[in-house]
Amino acid sequence: MDELLLRSLVPGVLGVLVRRGADFAAAEDAVQDALVEAVRVRP
């Protein structure tokens, strides 16, 4: 996976989740969990 691409997308994803009502800490946790799963599934 392209680490630079993932790093560039994280702020936008966090912003979407927060705008949709998630608190920032929960949004951060969700993004981190999604990234871990993505790396696990697609090495």
N, C-alpha and C. Protein backbone atom coordinates (compact mmCIF):
# COMPACT_ATOMS: atom_id res chain seq x y z
N MET A 1 0.84 -1.18 0.00
CA MET A 1 0.00 0.00 0.00
C MET A 1 0.89 1.24 0.00
N ASP A 2 0.40 2.27 -0.58
CA ASP A 2 1.15 3.52 -0.69
C ASP A 2 0.95 4.35 0.58
N GLU A 3 1.97 4.36 1.42
CA GLU A 3 1.87 5.06 2.71
C GLU A 3 1.61 6.55 2.54
N LEU A 4 2.25 7.18 1.56
CA LEU A 4 2.04 8.62 1.35
C LEU A 4 0.60 8.91 0.95
N LEU A 5 0.02 8.06 0.12
CA LEU A 5 -1.37 8.24 -0.27
C LEU A 5 -2.29 8.10 0.94
N LEU A 6 -2.07 7.07 1.74
CA LEU A 6 -2.90 6.88 2.93
C LEU A 6 -2.79 8.07 3.87
N ARG A 7 -1.56 8.55 4.09
CA ARG A 7 -1.36 9.70 4.98
C ARG A 7 -2.07 10.95 4.45
N SER A 8 -2.12 11.10 3.14
CA SER A 8 -2.77 12.29 2.58
C SER A 8 -4.29 12.21 2.66
N LEU A 9 -4.84 11.00 2.72
CA LEU A 9 -6.29 10.82 2.75
C LEU A 9 -6.88 10.88 4.16
N VAL A 10 -6.07 10.60 5.17
CA VAL A 10 -6.57 10.52 6.54
C VAL A 10 -7.27 11.80 7.00
N PRO A 11 -6.71 12.99 6.80
CA PRO A 11 -7.40 14.20 7.28
C PRO A 11 -8.78 14.39 6.65
N GLY A 12 -8.91 14.08 5.37
CA GLY A 12 -10.21 14.21 4.72
C GLY A 12 -11.23 13.23 5.26
N VAL A 13 -10.79 12.00 5.49
CA VAL A 13 -11.70 10.99 6.05
C VAL A 13 -12.12 11.38 7.46
N LEU A 14 -11.17 11.85 8.26
CA LEU A 14 -11.51 12.32 9.61
C LEU A 14 -12.53 13.45 9.54
N GLY A 15 -12.32 14.38 8.63
CA GLY A 15 -13.24 15.50 8.48
C GLY A 15 -14.64 15.05 8.13
N VAL A 16 -14.76 14.10 7.23
CA VAL A 16 -16.08 13.59 6.84
C VAL A 16 -16.77 12.96 8.04
N LEU A 17 -16.05 12.13 8.78
CA LEU A 17 -16.65 11.46 9.94
C LEU A 17 -17.10 12.46 11.00
N VAL A 18 -16.27 13.47 11.26
CA VAL A 18 -16.63 14.48 12.27
C VAL A 18 -17.83 15.30 11.79
N ARG A 19 -17.85 15.68 10.52
CA ARG A 19 -19.00 16.43 10.00
C ARG A 19 -20.28 15.61 10.05
N ARG A 20 -20.16 14.29 9.97
CA ARG A 20 -21.34 13.43 10.02
C ARG A 20 -21.76 13.11 11.45
N GLY A 21 -21.06 13.68 12.43
CA GLY A 21 -21.52 13.56 13.80
C GLY A 21 -20.64 12.79 14.74
N ALA A 22 -19.57 12.17 14.26
CA ALA A 22 -18.68 11.42 15.16
C ALA A 22 -17.82 12.41 15.94
N ASP A 23 -17.55 12.09 17.19
CA ASP A 23 -16.59 12.93 17.89
C ASP A 23 -15.20 12.59 17.37
N PHE A 24 -14.27 13.52 17.54
CA PHE A 24 -12.96 13.39 16.91
C PHE A 24 -12.24 12.12 17.34
N ALA A 25 -12.28 11.79 18.62
CA ALA A 25 -11.58 10.60 19.12
C ALA A 25 -12.15 9.33 18.49
N ALA A 26 -13.47 9.25 18.38
CA ALA A 26 -14.10 8.08 17.77
C ALA A 26 -13.75 8.00 16.28
N ALA A 27 -13.71 9.15 15.62
CA ALA A 27 -13.35 9.18 14.21
C ALA A 27 -11.91 8.72 14.01
N GLU A 28 -11.01 9.19 14.86
CA GLU A 28 -9.61 8.75 14.79
C GLU A 28 -9.49 7.25 14.97
N ASP A 29 -10.21 6.72 15.96
CA ASP A 29 -10.18 5.28 16.21
C ASP A 29 -10.70 4.50 15.00
N ALA A 30 -11.78 4.98 14.40
CA ALA A 30 -12.37 4.30 13.25
C ALA A 30 -11.41 4.29 12.07
N VAL A 31 -10.77 5.42 11.82
CA VAL A 31 -9.82 5.50 10.71
C VAL A 31 -8.63 4.60 10.97
N GLN A 32 -8.13 4.62 12.18
CA GLN A 32 -6.98 3.76 12.51
C GLN A 32 -7.35 2.28 12.34
N ASP A 33 -8.52 1.90 12.84
CA ASP A 33 -8.96 0.51 12.69
C ASP A 33 -9.10 0.13 11.22
N ALA A 34 -9.63 1.04 10.41
CA ALA A 34 -9.79 0.76 8.98
C ALA A 34 -8.44 0.60 8.30
N LEU A 35 -7.47 1.43 8.66
CA LEU A 35 -6.14 1.33 8.06
C LEU A 35 -5.45 0.02 8.46
N VAL A 36 -5.59 -0.35 9.71
CA VAL A 36 -4.98 -1.61 10.17
C VAL A 36 -5.60 -2.78 9.41
N GLU A 37 -6.90 -2.78 9.26
CA GLU A 37 -7.58 -3.86 8.54
C GLU A 37 -7.17 -3.87 7.06
N ALA A 38 -7.06 -2.69 6.46
CA ALA A 38 -6.66 -2.61 5.06
C ALA A 38 -5.26 -3.18 4.85
N VAL A 39 -4.35 -2.86 5.74
CA VAL A 39 -2.98 -3.37 5.63
C VAL A 39 -2.97 -4.88 5.86
N ARG A 40 -3.80 -5.35 6.79
CA ARG A 40 -3.86 -6.78 7.08
C ARG A 40 -4.40 -7.57 5.88
N VAL A 41 -5.43 -7.05 5.25
CA VAL A 41 -6.09 -7.75 4.15
C VAL A 41 -5.30 -7.64 2.86
N ARG A 42 -4.72 -6.48 2.62
CA ARG A 42 -3.99 -6.26 1.36
C ARG A 42 -2.56 -5.81 1.65
N PRO A 43 -1.67 -6.75 1.78
CA PRO A 43 -0.28 -6.41 2.13
C PRO A 43 0.47 -5.65 1.05
